[in-house]
């Protein structure tokens, strides 16, 4: 992915022009882009390392190690996409696809365990836009590109996209909520920023048929809908009895054949 340049001309920016400042809401006002056609998307390459490092140090309060910048600019493990304007990077999204079995303990409740055996999850590590070009739809453009990538037929196993965000980062939280992400969990003391512990949230968006683990209410609603669909309680009970009878017969016949073979 990061071995060569891949250019995608952008014919229009997303119509979502919501406030996309991911840091201080009182920063300098944004500058409208001269032409949306001049914005292009491409994957990162090793030559971008220093530029990306400078931008991330300005955008985010977290100090990433040098190895992290090496990985996102050279490893095909990451979906690391940059928005380019006037030959400079003005926006960036970094994500990776994780197997459910390799998620951290605090993230495994994003999808049901039964669904997670073969499922994958998209994790957004970072999303930022140059402060001069915020409120131009760049963040939405980058997020849309990731979602489009993860909702192809080849990525049908990806059931959710999630991220972690500081509880104090109201601007980022509002941005993701407007894009359909929902609050999943509270993470006390999740971040360590300049020697101080900070709380975080997990936000999730479900794709490709994925959904959150069901509560008792969800199960009751499902079974009630099944009863109504079947035309009433009696047909539903009869159907369940027939299914149970077939299962008992199947198990009995199976044991009978096994005893004969012995």
C-alpha atoms as a PDB file:
ATOM      1  CA  UNK A   1       0.000   0.000   0.000  1.00  0.00           C
ATOM      2  CA  UNK A   2       2.680   2.467   0.992  1.00  0.00           C
ATOM      3  CA  UNK A   3       5.202   1.359  -1.589  1.00  0.00           C
ATOM      4  CA  UNK A   4       3.892   3.585  -4.365  1.00  0.00           C
ATOM      5  CA  UNK A   5       1.802   6.692  -4.853  1.00  0.00           C
ATOM      6  CA  UNK A   6      -1.870   6.173  -5.580  1.00  0.00           C
ATOM      7  CA  UNK A   7      -3.648   9.333  -6.663  1.00  0.00           C
ATOM      8  CA  UNK A   8      -7.409   9.856  -6.581  1.00  0.00           C
ATOM      9  CA  UNK A   9      -8.700  13.168  -7.977  1.00  0.00           C
ATOM     10  CA  UNK A  10     -11.488  14.519  -5.803  1.00  0.00           C
ATOM     11  CA  UNK A  11     -14.369  15.952  -7.845  1.00  0.00           C
ATOM     12  CA  UNK A  12     -16.199  17.225  -4.793  1.00  0.00           C
ATOM     13  CA  UNK A  13     -15.770  17.429  -1.081  1.00  0.00           C
ATOM     14  CA  UNK A  14     -18.268  15.853   1.259  1.00  0.00           C
ATOM     15  CA  UNK A  15     -21.364  17.934   1.855  1.00  0.00           C
ATOM     16  CA  UNK A  16     -20.770  17.454   5.568  1.00  0.00           C
ATOM     17  CA  UNK A  17     -19.136  20.756   6.497  1.00  0.00           C
ATOM     18  CA  UNK A  18     -19.459  20.312  10.241  1.00  0.00           C
ATOM     19  CA  UNK A  19     -16.839  21.584  12.629  1.00  0.00           C
ATOM     20  CA  UNK A  20     -13.917  19.184  12.185  1.00  0.00           C
ATOM     21  CA  UNK A  21     -11.375  20.809  14.465  1.00  0.00           C
ATOM     22  CA  UNK A  22      -9.998  17.889  16.388  1.00  0.00           C
ATOM     23  CA  UNK A  23      -8.135  19.953  18.941  1.00  0.00           C
ATOM     24  CA  UNK A  24      -8.743  23.487  20.283  1.00  0.00           C
ATOM     25  CA  UNK A  25     -12.083  24.967  19.117  1.00  0.00           C
ATOM     26  CA  UNK A  26     -10.642  28.478  19.506  1.00  0.00           C
ATOM     27  CA  UNK A  27      -7.901  28.064  16.928  1.00  0.00           C
ATOM     28  CA  UNK A  28      -7.437  30.388  13.971  1.00  0.00           C
ATOM     29  CA  UNK A  29     -10.285  30.426  11.417  1.00  0.00           C
ATOM     30  CA  UNK A  30     -10.108  28.020   8.505  1.00  0.00           C
ATOM     31  CA  UNK A  31      -9.262  29.067   4.973  1.00  0.00           C
ATOM     32  CA  UNK A  32     -11.664  27.937   2.223  1.00  0.00           C
ATOM     33  CA  UNK A  33      -9.993  25.802  -0.420  1.00  0.00           C
ATOM     34  CA  UNK A  34      -9.511  27.479  -3.787  1.00  0.00           C
ATOM     35  CA  UNK A  35     -10.825  24.443  -5.646  1.00  0.00           C
ATOM     36  CA  UNK A  36     -12.027  21.059  -4.449  1.00  0.00           C
ATOM     37  CA  UNK A  37     -10.605  19.555  -7.638  1.00  0.00           C
ATOM     38  CA  UNK A  38      -7.121  20.406  -6.388  1.00  0.00           C
ATOM     39  CA  UNK A  39      -7.478  18.070  -3.373  1.00  0.00           C
ATOM     40  CA  UNK A  40      -6.137  14.584  -3.982  1.00  0.00           C
ATOM     41  CA  UNK A  41      -5.871  11.437  -1.896  1.00  0.00           C
ATOM     42  CA  UNK A  42      -2.922   9.091  -1.777  1.00  0.00           C
ATOM     43  CA  UNK A  43      -1.389   6.547   0.524  1.00  0.00           C
ATOM     44  CA  UNK A  44       1.628   7.470   2.599  1.00  0.00           C
ATOM     45  CA  UNK A  45       5.145   6.467   1.636  1.00  0.00           C
ATOM     46  CA  UNK A  46       8.452   6.519   3.564  1.00  0.00           C
ATOM     47  CA  UNK A  47       9.330   9.960   2.155  1.00  0.00           C
ATOM     48  CA  UNK A  48       6.378  11.408   4.103  1.00  0.00           C
ATOM     49  CA  UNK A  49       7.744  10.456   7.521  1.00  0.00           C
ATOM     50  CA  UNK A  50       9.109  13.822   8.637  1.00  0.00           C
ATOM     51  CA  UNK A  51       6.157  15.817   7.296  1.00  0.00           C
ATOM     52  CA  UNK A  52       3.656  13.471   8.958  1.00  0.00           C
ATOM     53  CA  UNK A  53       5.596  13.555  12.206  1.00  0.00           C
ATOM     54  CA  UNK A  54       5.596  17.353  12.273  1.00  0.00           C
ATOM     55  CA  UNK A  55       1.849  17.490  11.597  1.00  0.00           C
ATOM     56  CA  UNK A  56       0.940  14.897  14.227  1.00  0.00           C
ATOM     57  CA  UNK A  57       3.035  16.628  16.864  1.00  0.00           C
ATOM     58  CA  UNK A  58       1.046  19.774  16.142  1.00  0.00           C
ATOM     59  CA  UNK A  59      -2.369  18.076  15.968  1.00  0.00           C
ATOM     60  CA  UNK A  60      -2.363  15.544  18.791  1.00  0.00           C
ATOM     61  CA  UNK A  61      -1.394  15.701  22.480  1.00  0.00           C
ATOM     62  CA  UNK A  62       0.013  12.162  22.371  1.00  0.00           C
ATOM     63  CA  UNK A  63       3.732  11.731  21.678  1.00  0.00           C
ATOM     64  CA  UNK A  64       4.053   8.850  19.231  1.00  0.00           C
ATOM     65  CA  UNK A  65       7.435   7.059  19.045  1.00  0.00           C
ATOM     66  CA  UNK A  66       9.487   7.247  15.865  1.00  0.00           C
ATOM     67  CA  UNK A  67       8.743   3.572  15.180  1.00  0.00           C
ATOM     68  CA  UNK A  68       5.036   4.443  14.854  1.00  0.00           C
ATOM     69  CA  UNK A  69       5.752   6.928  12.061  1.00  0.00           C
ATOM     70  CA  UNK A  70       7.994   4.388  10.348  1.00  0.00           C
ATOM     71  CA  UNK A  71       5.197   1.816  10.464  1.00  0.00           C
ATOM     72  CA  UNK A  72       2.384   3.999   9.124  1.00  0.00           C
ATOM     73  CA  UNK A  73       4.507   5.321   6.256  1.00  0.00           C
ATOM     74  CA  UNK A  74       5.943   1.976   5.147  1.00  0.00           C
ATOM     75  CA  UNK A  75       3.853  -0.974   6.374  1.00  0.00           C
ATOM     76  CA  UNK A  76       0.965  -2.330   4.315  1.00  0.00           C
ATOM     77  CA  UNK A  77      -0.692  -3.276   7.599  1.00  0.00           C
ATOM     78  CA  UNK A  78      -2.089   0.232   7.887  1.00  0.00           C
ATOM     79  CA  UNK A  79      -4.660   2.131   5.862  1.00  0.00           C
ATOM     80  CA  UNK A  80      -2.728   5.415   5.961  1.00  0.00           C
ATOM     81  CA  UNK A  81      -4.327   7.929   3.616  1.00  0.00           C
ATOM     82  CA  UNK A  82      -3.359  11.563   3.126  1.00  0.00           C
ATOM     83  CA  UNK A  83      -5.258  14.491   1.632  1.00  0.00           C
ATOM     84  CA  UNK A  84      -2.933  16.559  -0.559  1.00  0.00           C
ATOM     85  CA  UNK A  85      -3.394  20.222  -1.471  1.00  0.00           C
ATOM     86  CA  UNK A  86      -0.737  22.327  -3.203  1.00  0.00           C
ATOM     87  CA  UNK A  87       1.690  19.392  -2.892  1.00  0.00           C
ATOM     88  CA  UNK A  88       1.375  19.375   0.911  1.00  0.00           C
ATOM     89  CA  UNK A  89      -0.406  17.026   3.312  1.00  0.00           C
ATOM     90  CA  UNK A  90      -3.401  18.823   4.823  1.00  0.00           C
ATOM     91  CA  UNK A  91      -5.231  15.815   6.275  1.00  0.00           C
ATOM     92  CA  UNK A  92      -4.489  12.292   7.384  1.00  0.00           C
ATOM     93  CA  UNK A  93      -6.318   9.160   8.522  1.00  0.00           C
ATOM     94  CA  UNK A  94      -4.566   6.063   9.854  1.00  0.00           C
ATOM     95  CA  UNK A  95      -6.459   2.843  10.505  1.00  0.00           C
ATOM     96  CA  UNK A  96      -5.873  -0.886  10.645  1.00  0.00           C
ATOM     97  CA  UNK A  97      -7.970  -4.029  10.475  1.00  0.00           C
ATOM     98  CA  UNK A  98      -7.804  -6.184  13.587  1.00  0.00           C
ATOM     99  CA  UNK A  99      -8.968  -9.723  14.204  1.00  0.00           C
ATOM    100  CA  UNK A 100     -11.554  -9.930  16.980  1.00  0.00           C
ATOM    101  CA  UNK A 101      -9.369 -12.415  18.853  1.00  0.00           C
ATOM    102  CA  UNK A 102      -6.512  -9.887  18.962  1.00  0.00           C
ATOM    103  CA  UNK A 103      -8.501  -6.989  20.391  1.00  0.00           C
ATOM    104  CA  UNK A 104      -7.646  -5.664  23.823  1.00  0.00           C
ATOM    105  CA  UNK A 105      -9.888  -6.861  26.632  1.00  0.00           C
ATOM    106  CA  UNK A 106     -11.678  -3.513  26.934  1.00  0.00           C
ATOM    107  CA  UNK A 107     -12.613  -3.573  23.220  1.00  0.00           C
ATOM    108  CA  UNK A 108     -13.966  -7.131  22.885  1.00  0.00           C
ATOM    109  CA  UNK A 109     -17.490  -6.128  23.848  1.00  0.00           C
ATOM    110  CA  UNK A 110     -17.899  -4.115  20.652  1.00  0.00           C
ATOM    111  CA  UNK A 111     -19.566  -7.030  18.863  1.00  0.00           C
ATOM    112  CA  UNK A 112     -21.130 -10.261  20.178  1.00  0.00           C
ATOM    113  CA  UNK A 113     -18.657 -13.008  20.969  1.00  0.00           C
ATOM    114  CA  UNK A 114     -20.527 -15.398  18.667  1.00  0.00           C
ATOM    115  CA  UNK A 115     -20.057 -12.996  15.764  1.00  0.00           C
ATOM    116  CA  UNK A 116     -16.467 -12.293  16.693  1.00  0.00           C
ATOM    117  CA  UNK A 117     -15.050 -15.762  16.084  1.00  0.00           C
ATOM    118  CA  UNK A 118     -14.374 -14.998  12.429  1.00  0.00           C
ATOM    119  CA  UNK A 119     -14.984 -11.267  12.443  1.00  0.00           C
ATOM    120  CA  UNK A 120     -12.613  -8.369  11.952  1.00  0.00           C
ATOM    121  CA  UNK A 121     -12.775  -4.831  13.293  1.00  0.00           C
ATOM    122  CA  UNK A 122     -11.530  -1.561  11.784  1.00  0.00           C
ATOM    123  CA  UNK A 123      -9.635   0.618  14.258  1.00  0.00           C
ATOM    124  CA  UNK A 124      -8.983   4.315  13.608  1.00  0.00           C
ATOM    125  CA  UNK A 125      -5.655   5.218  15.173  1.00  0.00           C
ATOM    126  CA  UNK A 126      -5.721   8.876  14.164  1.00  0.00           C
ATOM    127  CA  UNK A 127      -7.636  11.377  12.063  1.00  0.00           C
ATOM    128  CA  UNK A 128      -6.439  14.959  11.735  1.00  0.00           C
ATOM    129  CA  UNK A 129      -6.713  17.985   9.475  1.00  0.00           C
ATOM    130  CA  UNK A 130      -4.358  20.938   9.178  1.00  0.00           C
ATOM    131  CA  UNK A 131      -5.821  23.732  11.287  1.00  0.00           C
ATOM    132  CA  UNK A 132      -5.683  26.128   8.339  1.00  0.00           C
ATOM    133  CA  UNK A 133      -7.988  23.909   6.243  1.00  0.00           C
ATOM    134  CA  UNK A 134     -10.506  22.669   8.790  1.00  0.00           C
ATOM    135  CA  UNK A 135     -14.245  23.105   8.167  1.00  0.00           C
ATOM    136  CA  UNK A 136     -13.741  22.257   4.491  1.00  0.00           C
ATOM    137  CA  UNK A 137     -14.982  18.652   4.693  1.00  0.00           C
ATOM    138  CA  UNK A 138     -11.500  17.099   4.613  1.00  0.00           C
ATOM    139  CA  UNK A 139     -12.103  14.978   7.720  1.00  0.00           C
ATOM    140  CA  UNK A 140     -15.352  13.628   6.269  1.00  0.00           C
ATOM    141  CA  UNK A 141     -13.632  12.926   2.961  1.00  0.00           C
ATOM    142  CA  UNK A 142     -10.945  10.842   4.668  1.00  0.00           C
ATOM    143  CA  UNK A 143     -13.435   9.006   6.872  1.00  0.00           C
ATOM    144  CA  UNK A 144     -15.663   8.249   3.872  1.00  0.00           C
ATOM    145  CA  UNK A 145     -12.656   6.783   2.053  1.00  0.00           C
ATOM    146  CA  UNK A 146     -11.976   4.419   4.951  1.00  0.00           C
ATOM    147  CA  UNK A 147     -15.637   3.384   5.202  1.00  0.00           C
ATOM    148  CA  UNK A 148     -15.789   2.738   1.451  1.00  0.00           C
ATOM    149  CA  UNK A 149     -12.652   0.615   1.745  1.00  0.00           C
ATOM    150  CA  UNK A 150     -14.111  -1.473   4.575  1.00  0.00           C
ATOM    151  CA  UNK A 151     -17.549  -2.017   3.014  1.00  0.00           C
ATOM    152  CA  UNK A 152     -16.381  -3.742  -0.161  1.00  0.00           C
ATOM    153  CA  UNK A 153     -17.195  -7.403  -0.811  1.00  0.00           C
ATOM    154  CA  UNK A 154     -13.616  -8.363   0.048  1.00  0.00           C
ATOM    155  CA  UNK A 155     -13.990  -6.813   3.506  1.00  0.00           C
ATOM    156  CA  UNK A 156     -17.335  -8.354   4.463  1.00  0.00           C
ATOM    157  CA  UNK A 157     -15.815  -9.791   7.654  1.00  0.00           C
ATOM    158  CA  UNK A 158     -15.247  -6.282   9.044  1.00  0.00           C
ATOM    159  CA  UNK A 159     -18.273  -5.746  11.283  1.00  0.00           C
ATOM    160  CA  UNK A 160     -17.450  -2.454  12.999  1.00  0.00           C
ATOM    161  CA  UNK A 161     -15.176   0.590  13.017  1.00  0.00           C
ATOM    162  CA  UNK A 162     -14.091   1.945  16.368  1.00  0.00           C
ATOM    163  CA  UNK A 163     -11.814   4.540  17.904  1.00  0.00           C
ATOM    164  CA  UNK A 164     -10.726   5.965  21.227  1.00  0.00           C
ATOM    165  CA  UNK A 165     -11.046   9.660  22.032  1.00  0.00           C
ATOM    166  CA  UNK A 166     -10.339  11.892  25.010  1.00  0.00           C
ATOM    167  CA  UNK A 167     -13.473  12.671  26.998  1.00  0.00           C
ATOM    168  CA  UNK A 168     -12.500  16.346  26.876  1.00  0.00           C
ATOM    169  CA  UNK A 169     -12.230  16.455  23.066  1.00  0.00           C
ATOM    170  CA  UNK A 170     -15.792  17.622  22.466  1.00  0.00           C
ATOM    171  CA  UNK A 171     -15.097  18.730  18.905  1.00  0.00           C
ATOM    172  CA  UNK A 172     -13.930  15.274  17.811  1.00  0.00           C
ATOM    173  CA  UNK A 173     -16.786  13.615  19.705  1.00  0.00           C
ATOM    174  CA  UNK A 174     -19.382  15.783  17.947  1.00  0.00           C
ATOM    175  CA  UNK A 175     -17.766  15.085  14.587  1.00  0.00           C
ATOM    176  CA  UNK A 176     -17.957  11.316  15.041  1.00  0.00           C
ATOM    177  CA  UNK A 177     -21.481  11.427  16.462  1.00  0.00           C
ATOM    178  CA  UNK A 178     -22.652  13.378  13.415  1.00  0.00           C
ATOM    179  CA  UNK A 179     -21.111  10.643  11.278  1.00  0.00           C
ATOM    180  CA  UNK A 180     -23.171   7.937  13.020  1.00  0.00           C
ATOM    181  CA  UNK A 181     -20.680   6.702  15.615  1.00  0.00           C
ATOM    182  CA  UNK A 182     -22.193   5.787  18.993  1.00  0.00           C
ATOM    183  CA  UNK A 183     -20.689   5.795  22.467  1.00  0.00           C
ATOM    184  CA  UNK A 184     -19.745   2.276  23.498  1.00  0.00           C
ATOM    185  CA  UNK A 185     -17.775   2.524  26.731  1.00  0.00           C
ATOM    186  CA  UNK A 186     -16.008   4.807  29.180  1.00  0.00           C
ATOM    187  CA  UNK A 187     -12.281   4.182  29.705  1.00  0.00           C
ATOM    188  CA  UNK A 188     -11.035   5.713  32.975  1.00  0.00           C
ATOM    189  CA  UNK A 189      -7.361   6.743  32.962  1.00  0.00           C
ATOM    190  CA  UNK A 190      -6.936   5.301  29.464  1.00  0.00           C
ATOM    191  CA  UNK A 191      -4.469   7.922  28.221  1.00  0.00           C
ATOM    192  CA  UNK A 192      -1.147   9.006  29.669  1.00  0.00           C
ATOM    193  CA  UNK A 193      -0.419  12.511  28.379  1.00  0.00           C
ATOM    194  CA  UNK A 194       2.663  14.329  29.615  1.00  0.00           C
ATOM    195  CA  UNK A 195       2.713  12.263  32.762  1.00  0.00           C
ATOM    196  CA  UNK A 196      -0.985  12.745  33.567  1.00  0.00           C
ATOM    197  CA  UNK A 197      -3.741  10.141  33.238  1.00  0.00           C
ATOM    198  CA  UNK A 198      -6.740  11.146  31.146  1.00  0.00           C
ATOM    199  CA  UNK A 199     -10.120   9.453  30.636  1.00  0.00           C
ATOM    200  CA  UNK A 200     -11.289   8.244  27.251  1.00  0.00           C
ATOM    201  CA  UNK A 201     -14.346   7.048  25.364  1.00  0.00           C
ATOM    202  CA  UNK A 202     -14.766   4.260  22.825  1.00  0.00           C
ATOM    203  CA  UNK A 203     -16.969   5.156  19.848  1.00  0.00           C
ATOM    204  CA  UNK A 204     -18.253   2.570  17.359  1.00  0.00           C
ATOM    205  CA  UNK A 205     -19.957   2.492  13.967  1.00  0.00           C
ATOM    206  CA  UNK A 206     -21.356  -0.843  12.738  1.00  0.00           C
ATOM    207  CA  UNK A 207     -20.986  -1.958   9.117  1.00  0.00           C
ATOM    208  CA  UNK A 208     -21.522  -5.078   7.003  1.00  0.00           C
ATOM    209  CA  UNK A 209     -24.318  -6.404   9.204  1.00  0.00           C
ATOM    210  CA  UNK A 210     -22.470  -5.998  12.481  1.00  0.00           C
ATOM    211  CA  UNK A 211     -24.237  -4.984  15.663  1.00  0.00           C
ATOM    212  CA  UNK A 212     -23.574  -4.534  19.356  1.00  0.00           C
ATOM    213  CA  UNK A 213     -24.086  -7.413  21.829  1.00  0.00           C
ATOM    214  CA  UNK A 214     -27.764  -7.903  22.543  1.00  0.00           C
ATOM    215  CA  UNK A 215     -29.347  -7.089  25.872  1.00  0.00           C
ATOM    216  CA  UNK A 216     -32.343  -8.950  27.360  1.00  0.00           C
ATOM    217  CA  UNK A 217     -34.579  -6.291  25.821  1.00  0.00           C
ATOM    218  CA  UNK A 218     -33.112  -6.964  22.366  1.00  0.00           C
ATOM    219  CA  UNK A 219     -33.783 -10.698  22.700  1.00  0.00           C
ATOM    220  CA  UNK A 220     -37.364 -10.103  23.845  1.00  0.00           C
ATOM    221  CA  UNK A 221     -37.951  -7.718  20.957  1.00  0.00           C
ATOM    222  CA  UNK A 222     -36.531 -10.242  18.495  1.00  0.00           C
ATOM    223  CA  UNK A 223     -38.651 -13.127  19.706  1.00  0.00           C
ATOM    224  CA  UNK A 224     -41.760 -10.970  19.820  1.00  0.00           C
ATOM    225  CA  UNK A 225     -41.161  -9.957  16.207  1.00  0.00           C
ATOM    226  CA  UNK A 226     -40.749 -13.627  15.297  1.00  0.00           C
ATOM    227  CA  UNK A 227     -44.076 -14.437  16.945  1.00  0.00           C
ATOM    228  CA  UNK A 228     -45.856 -11.637  15.113  1.00  0.00           C
ATOM    229  CA  UNK A 229     -44.252 -12.613  11.807  1.00  0.00           C
ATOM    230  CA  UNK A 230     -45.420 -16.214  12.286  1.00  0.00           C
ATOM    231  CA  UNK A 231     -49.009 -14.986  12.560  1.00  0.00           C
ATOM    232  CA  UNK A 232     -49.585 -15.562  16.260  1.00  0.00           C
ATOM    233  CA  UNK A 233     -48.432 -17.465  19.306  1.00  0.00           C
ATOM    234  CA  UNK A 234     -49.812 -20.913  18.432  1.00  0.00           C
ATOM    235  CA  UNK A 235     -48.128 -21.216  14.990  1.00  0.00           C
ATOM    236  CA  UNK A 236     -44.885 -19.999  16.544  1.00  0.00           C
ATOM    237  CA  UNK A 237     -45.040 -22.613  19.341  1.00  0.00           C
ATOM    238  CA  UNK A 238     -45.896 -25.349  16.849  1.00  0.00           C
ATOM    239  CA  UNK A 239     -42.977 -24.354  14.680  1.00  0.00           C
ATOM    240  CA  UNK A 240     -40.582 -24.443  17.607  1.00  0.00           C
ATOM    241  CA  UNK A 241     -41.934 -27.869  18.682  1.00  0.00           C
ATOM    242  CA  UNK A 242     -41.414 -29.235  15.174  1.00  0.00           C
ATOM    243  CA  UNK A 243     -37.830 -27.957  15.179  1.00  0.00           C
ATOM    244  CA  UNK A 244     -37.180 -29.531  18.592  1.00  0.00           C
ATOM    245  CA  UNK A 245     -38.751 -32.844  17.464  1.00  0.00           C
ATOM    246  CA  UNK A 246     -36.543 -32.965  14.365  1.00  0.00           C
ATOM    247  CA  UNK A 247     -33.465 -32.314  16.475  1.00  0.00           C
ATOM    248  CA  UNK A 248     -34.357 -35.126  18.931  1.00  0.00           C
ATOM    249  CA  UNK A 249     -34.966 -37.534  16.053  1.00  0.00           C
ATOM    250  CA  UNK A 250     -31.680 -36.597  14.439  1.00  0.00           C
ATOM    251  CA  UNK A 251     -29.729 -37.169  17.646  1.00  0.00           C
ATOM    252  CA  UNK A 252     -31.524 -40.481  18.363  1.00  0.00           C
ATOM    253  CA  UNK A 253     -30.907 -41.869  14.879  1.00  0.00           C
ATOM    254  CA  UNK A 254     -27.284 -40.739  15.050  1.00  0.00           C
ATOM    255  CA  UNK A 255     -26.691 -42.608  18.312  1.00  0.00           C
ATOM    256  CA  UNK A 256     -28.441 -45.706  16.932  1.00  0.00           C
ATOM    257  CA  UNK A 257     -26.137 -45.833  13.905  1.00  0.00           C
ATOM    258  CA  UNK A 258     -23.115 -45.293  16.132  1.00  0.00           C
ATOM    259  CA  UNK A 259     -24.048 -48.248  18.355  1.00  0.00           C
ATOM    260  CA  UNK A 260     -24.526 -50.453  15.283  1.00  0.00           C
ATOM    261  CA  UNK A 261     -21.108 -49.521  13.947  1.00  0.00           C
ATOM    262  CA  UNK A 262     -19.537 -50.482  17.277  1.00  0.00           C
END
